[in-house]
N, C-alpha and C. Protein backbone atom coordinates (compact mmCIF):
# COMPACT_ATOMS: atom_id res chain seq x y z
N GLY A 1 22.78 52.15 -8.21
CA GLY A 1 23.26 53.01 -9.27
C GLY A 1 22.53 54.32 -9.29
N ALA A 2 22.87 55.16 -10.24
CA ALA A 2 22.29 56.50 -10.35
C ALA A 2 20.79 56.43 -10.63
N ALA A 3 20.33 55.37 -11.28
CA ALA A 3 18.91 55.24 -11.59
C ALA A 3 18.06 55.13 -10.32
N ASN A 4 18.65 54.64 -9.23
CA ASN A 4 17.93 54.48 -7.97
C ASN A 4 18.17 55.63 -7.00
N CYS A 5 18.82 56.69 -7.43
CA CYS A 5 19.16 57.81 -6.56
C CYS A 5 17.98 58.78 -6.48
N TRP A 6 17.30 58.79 -5.34
CA TRP A 6 16.14 59.66 -5.16
C TRP A 6 16.48 60.92 -4.41
N GLY A 7 17.67 60.96 -3.82
CA GLY A 7 18.08 62.14 -3.08
C GLY A 7 19.59 62.23 -3.01
N THR A 8 20.06 63.46 -2.83
CA THR A 8 21.49 63.69 -2.66
C THR A 8 21.69 64.75 -1.59
N CYS A 9 22.88 64.77 -1.01
CA CYS A 9 23.20 65.83 -0.07
C CYS A 9 24.59 66.36 -0.39
N ASP A 10 24.74 67.65 -0.19
CA ASP A 10 26.01 68.33 -0.41
C ASP A 10 26.66 68.51 0.95
N PHE A 11 27.78 67.81 1.19
CA PHE A 11 28.43 67.86 2.49
C PHE A 11 29.09 69.21 2.76
N ASP A 12 29.33 70.00 1.74
CA ASP A 12 29.93 71.32 1.96
C ASP A 12 28.90 72.33 2.44
N THR A 13 27.68 72.26 1.90
CA THR A 13 26.64 73.23 2.26
C THR A 13 25.57 72.63 3.16
N TYR A 14 25.60 71.30 3.35
CA TYR A 14 24.57 70.58 4.10
C TYR A 14 23.18 70.82 3.53
N GLU A 15 23.11 70.86 2.21
CA GLU A 15 21.83 70.99 1.51
C GLU A 15 21.44 69.64 0.93
N ILE A 16 20.14 69.34 1.00
CA ILE A 16 19.59 68.09 0.51
C ILE A 16 18.71 68.38 -0.70
N GLN A 17 18.86 67.57 -1.74
CA GLN A 17 18.01 67.65 -2.92
C GLN A 17 17.26 66.33 -3.04
N LEU A 18 15.95 66.41 -3.28
CA LEU A 18 15.13 65.20 -3.48
C LEU A 18 14.55 65.20 -4.88
N GLU A 19 14.38 64.00 -5.43
CA GLU A 19 13.69 63.83 -6.70
C GLU A 19 12.28 64.41 -6.54
N LYS A 20 11.84 65.19 -7.50
CA LYS A 20 10.57 65.91 -7.36
C LYS A 20 9.34 65.01 -7.43
N LYS A 21 9.36 63.99 -8.25
CA LYS A 21 8.16 63.18 -8.48
C LYS A 21 8.21 61.88 -7.67
N MET A 22 8.07 62.02 -6.35
CA MET A 22 8.05 60.86 -5.46
C MET A 22 6.78 60.92 -4.62
N ALA A 23 6.27 59.76 -4.31
CA ALA A 23 5.14 59.69 -3.39
C ALA A 23 5.62 60.11 -1.99
N ASP A 24 4.68 60.41 -1.11
CA ASP A 24 5.00 60.92 0.21
C ASP A 24 5.89 59.97 1.02
N ALA A 25 5.52 58.69 1.11
CA ALA A 25 6.27 57.75 1.94
C ALA A 25 7.73 57.59 1.50
N PRO A 26 8.00 57.34 0.19
CA PRO A 26 9.41 57.24 -0.19
C PRO A 26 10.16 58.57 -0.06
N ALA A 27 9.45 59.68 -0.22
CA ALA A 27 10.11 60.99 -0.06
C ALA A 27 10.55 61.17 1.39
N ARG A 28 9.71 60.78 2.34
CA ARG A 28 10.06 60.89 3.76
C ARG A 28 11.25 59.99 4.09
N GLU A 29 11.22 58.76 3.59
CA GLU A 29 12.33 57.83 3.85
C GLU A 29 13.62 58.32 3.21
N THR A 30 13.52 58.87 2.01
CA THR A 30 14.71 59.40 1.33
C THR A 30 15.27 60.60 2.08
N LEU A 31 14.39 61.48 2.55
CA LEU A 31 14.84 62.64 3.32
C LEU A 31 15.56 62.19 4.59
N LEU A 32 15.00 61.21 5.30
CA LEU A 32 15.66 60.69 6.49
C LEU A 32 17.01 60.08 6.14
N HIS A 33 17.08 59.35 5.04
CA HIS A 33 18.33 58.75 4.58
C HIS A 33 19.39 59.83 4.37
N GLU A 34 19.02 60.91 3.69
CA GLU A 34 19.98 61.99 3.41
C GLU A 34 20.37 62.72 4.69
N ILE A 35 19.43 62.89 5.62
CA ILE A 35 19.77 63.50 6.92
C ILE A 35 20.77 62.64 7.65
N CYS A 36 20.61 61.31 7.60
CA CYS A 36 21.57 60.40 8.23
C CYS A 36 22.96 60.56 7.61
N HIS A 37 23.03 60.72 6.28
CA HIS A 37 24.32 60.97 5.63
C HIS A 37 24.99 62.20 6.24
N ILE A 38 24.23 63.28 6.36
CA ILE A 38 24.79 64.53 6.87
C ILE A 38 25.21 64.38 8.33
N LEU A 39 24.39 63.71 9.14
CA LEU A 39 24.75 63.53 10.55
C LEU A 39 26.02 62.71 10.70
N LEU A 40 26.15 61.64 9.90
CA LEU A 40 27.37 60.83 9.95
C LEU A 40 28.58 61.62 9.48
N GLU A 41 28.42 62.40 8.43
CA GLU A 41 29.51 63.25 7.93
C GLU A 41 29.93 64.23 9.03
N PHE A 42 28.95 64.85 9.68
CA PHE A 42 29.22 65.82 10.74
C PHE A 42 29.99 65.17 11.90
N CYS A 43 29.73 63.88 12.16
CA CYS A 43 30.39 63.16 13.25
C CYS A 43 31.71 62.53 12.82
N GLY A 44 32.16 62.80 11.60
CA GLY A 44 33.44 62.29 11.14
C GLY A 44 33.38 60.95 10.46
N LEU A 45 32.19 60.48 10.12
CA LEU A 45 32.04 59.19 9.44
C LEU A 45 31.55 59.42 8.02
N GLY A 46 32.24 60.29 7.29
CA GLY A 46 31.78 60.67 5.97
C GLY A 46 32.51 60.03 4.82
N GLU A 47 33.29 58.98 5.08
CA GLU A 47 34.05 58.37 4.01
C GLU A 47 33.15 57.72 2.97
N SER A 48 33.62 57.68 1.74
CA SER A 48 32.88 57.01 0.67
C SER A 48 33.05 55.51 0.79
N ASP A 49 32.34 54.77 -0.05
CA ASP A 49 32.47 53.31 -0.05
C ASP A 49 33.90 52.86 -0.32
N GLU A 50 34.61 53.63 -1.13
CA GLU A 50 35.97 53.25 -1.50
C GLU A 50 36.95 53.40 -0.34
N GLU A 51 36.69 54.32 0.59
CA GLU A 51 37.59 54.54 1.73
C GLU A 51 36.81 54.31 3.01
N SER A 52 36.52 53.05 3.34
CA SER A 52 35.65 52.78 4.47
C SER A 52 36.24 53.22 5.79
N SER A 53 35.33 53.47 6.71
CA SER A 53 35.68 53.94 8.05
C SER A 53 36.29 52.80 8.85
N ASP A 54 37.07 53.15 9.86
CA ASP A 54 37.60 52.14 10.78
C ASP A 54 36.48 51.57 11.64
N TYR A 55 35.38 52.30 11.76
CA TYR A 55 34.27 51.86 12.60
C TYR A 55 33.60 50.65 11.95
N MET A 56 33.98 49.46 12.39
CA MET A 56 33.43 48.20 11.89
C MET A 56 33.56 48.09 10.38
N ASN A 57 34.52 48.80 9.78
CA ASN A 57 34.78 48.75 8.34
C ASN A 57 33.52 49.06 7.52
N LEU A 58 32.73 50.04 7.98
CA LEU A 58 31.51 50.41 7.28
C LEU A 58 31.66 51.80 6.67
N SER A 59 31.18 51.95 5.46
CA SER A 59 31.21 53.24 4.79
C SER A 59 30.05 54.11 5.26
N ASN A 60 30.08 55.38 4.91
CA ASN A 60 28.98 56.29 5.22
C ASN A 60 27.69 55.75 4.64
N GLU A 61 27.71 55.25 3.42
CA GLU A 61 26.49 54.74 2.78
C GLU A 61 25.92 53.56 3.55
N LYS A 62 26.77 52.60 3.92
CA LYS A 62 26.30 51.43 4.65
C LYS A 62 25.76 51.82 6.03
N LEU A 63 26.46 52.71 6.72
CA LEU A 63 25.98 53.19 8.01
C LEU A 63 24.66 53.94 7.86
N THR A 64 24.55 54.75 6.80
CA THR A 64 23.33 55.52 6.56
C THR A 64 22.14 54.61 6.31
N ILE A 65 22.32 53.61 5.48
CA ILE A 65 21.23 52.67 5.19
C ILE A 65 20.79 51.98 6.48
N THR A 66 21.74 51.51 7.26
CA THR A 66 21.43 50.82 8.51
C THR A 66 20.73 51.75 9.49
N MET A 67 21.28 52.96 9.66
CA MET A 67 20.73 53.91 10.62
C MET A 67 19.33 54.37 10.22
N SER A 68 19.14 54.72 8.96
CA SER A 68 17.83 55.22 8.54
C SER A 68 16.77 54.13 8.61
N ARG A 69 17.13 52.91 8.25
CA ARG A 69 16.16 51.80 8.35
C ARG A 69 15.81 51.51 9.81
N ALA A 70 16.80 51.60 10.70
CA ALA A 70 16.56 51.36 12.12
C ALA A 70 15.64 52.43 12.70
N ILE A 71 15.85 53.69 12.32
CA ILE A 71 14.99 54.77 12.81
C ILE A 71 13.57 54.58 12.30
N ILE A 72 13.41 54.26 11.02
CA ILE A 72 12.08 54.05 10.45
C ILE A 72 11.37 52.90 11.17
N MET A 73 12.08 51.81 11.41
CA MET A 73 11.49 50.68 12.11
C MET A 73 11.08 51.09 13.53
N PHE A 74 11.95 51.82 14.23
CA PHE A 74 11.63 52.26 15.58
C PHE A 74 10.37 53.12 15.59
N VAL A 75 10.29 54.08 14.68
CA VAL A 75 9.13 54.98 14.62
C VAL A 75 7.86 54.21 14.32
N ARG A 76 7.94 53.27 13.37
CA ARG A 76 6.75 52.48 13.02
C ARG A 76 6.29 51.59 14.16
N LEU A 77 7.23 51.05 14.92
CA LEU A 77 6.89 50.16 16.03
C LEU A 77 6.51 50.93 17.30
N ASN A 78 6.94 52.20 17.38
CA ASN A 78 6.72 53.00 18.58
C ASN A 78 6.21 54.40 18.23
N PRO A 79 5.05 54.49 17.59
CA PRO A 79 4.59 55.81 17.14
C PRO A 79 4.36 56.82 18.26
N GLU A 80 3.80 56.37 19.38
CA GLU A 80 3.53 57.31 20.48
C GLU A 80 4.83 57.78 21.13
N LEU A 81 5.76 56.86 21.38
CA LEU A 81 7.04 57.24 21.96
C LEU A 81 7.81 58.17 21.02
N SER A 82 7.74 57.90 19.72
CA SER A 82 8.42 58.75 18.74
C SER A 82 7.87 60.16 18.77
N LYS A 83 6.55 60.29 18.86
CA LYS A 83 5.92 61.62 18.95
C LYS A 83 6.38 62.33 20.21
N GLU A 84 6.44 61.61 21.31
CA GLU A 84 6.86 62.20 22.58
C GLU A 84 8.32 62.64 22.51
N LEU A 85 9.19 61.79 21.97
CA LEU A 85 10.61 62.13 21.86
C LEU A 85 10.83 63.38 21.01
N LEU A 86 10.06 63.50 19.95
CA LEU A 86 10.20 64.65 19.05
C LEU A 86 9.32 65.82 19.46
N ASN A 87 8.63 65.66 20.59
CA ASN A 87 7.77 66.72 21.13
C ASN A 87 6.69 67.14 20.13
N LEU A 88 6.09 66.14 19.45
CA LEU A 88 5.03 66.41 18.49
C LEU A 88 3.68 66.30 19.17
N LYS A 89 2.75 67.11 18.73
CA LYS A 89 1.39 67.08 19.30
C LYS A 89 0.55 66.05 18.58
């Protein structure tokens, strides 16, 4: 529900808004979640929960949750590879 909404994205402007009073870790995860929303929207998978995508009958929200959690897990399990992929020092 709205009480658990820590971030939003505007698909028209591709702007992300985050709740101001969040600790660093949830803010990073929320930002990644919202970026996933925008990437899926950009790729044509922007339907709401009410009008699910033909892709495995998953909505943008369900795909976003799955994708962002998978990325977070990958980064946590592979910190050095993640740094290399993102060209971080």
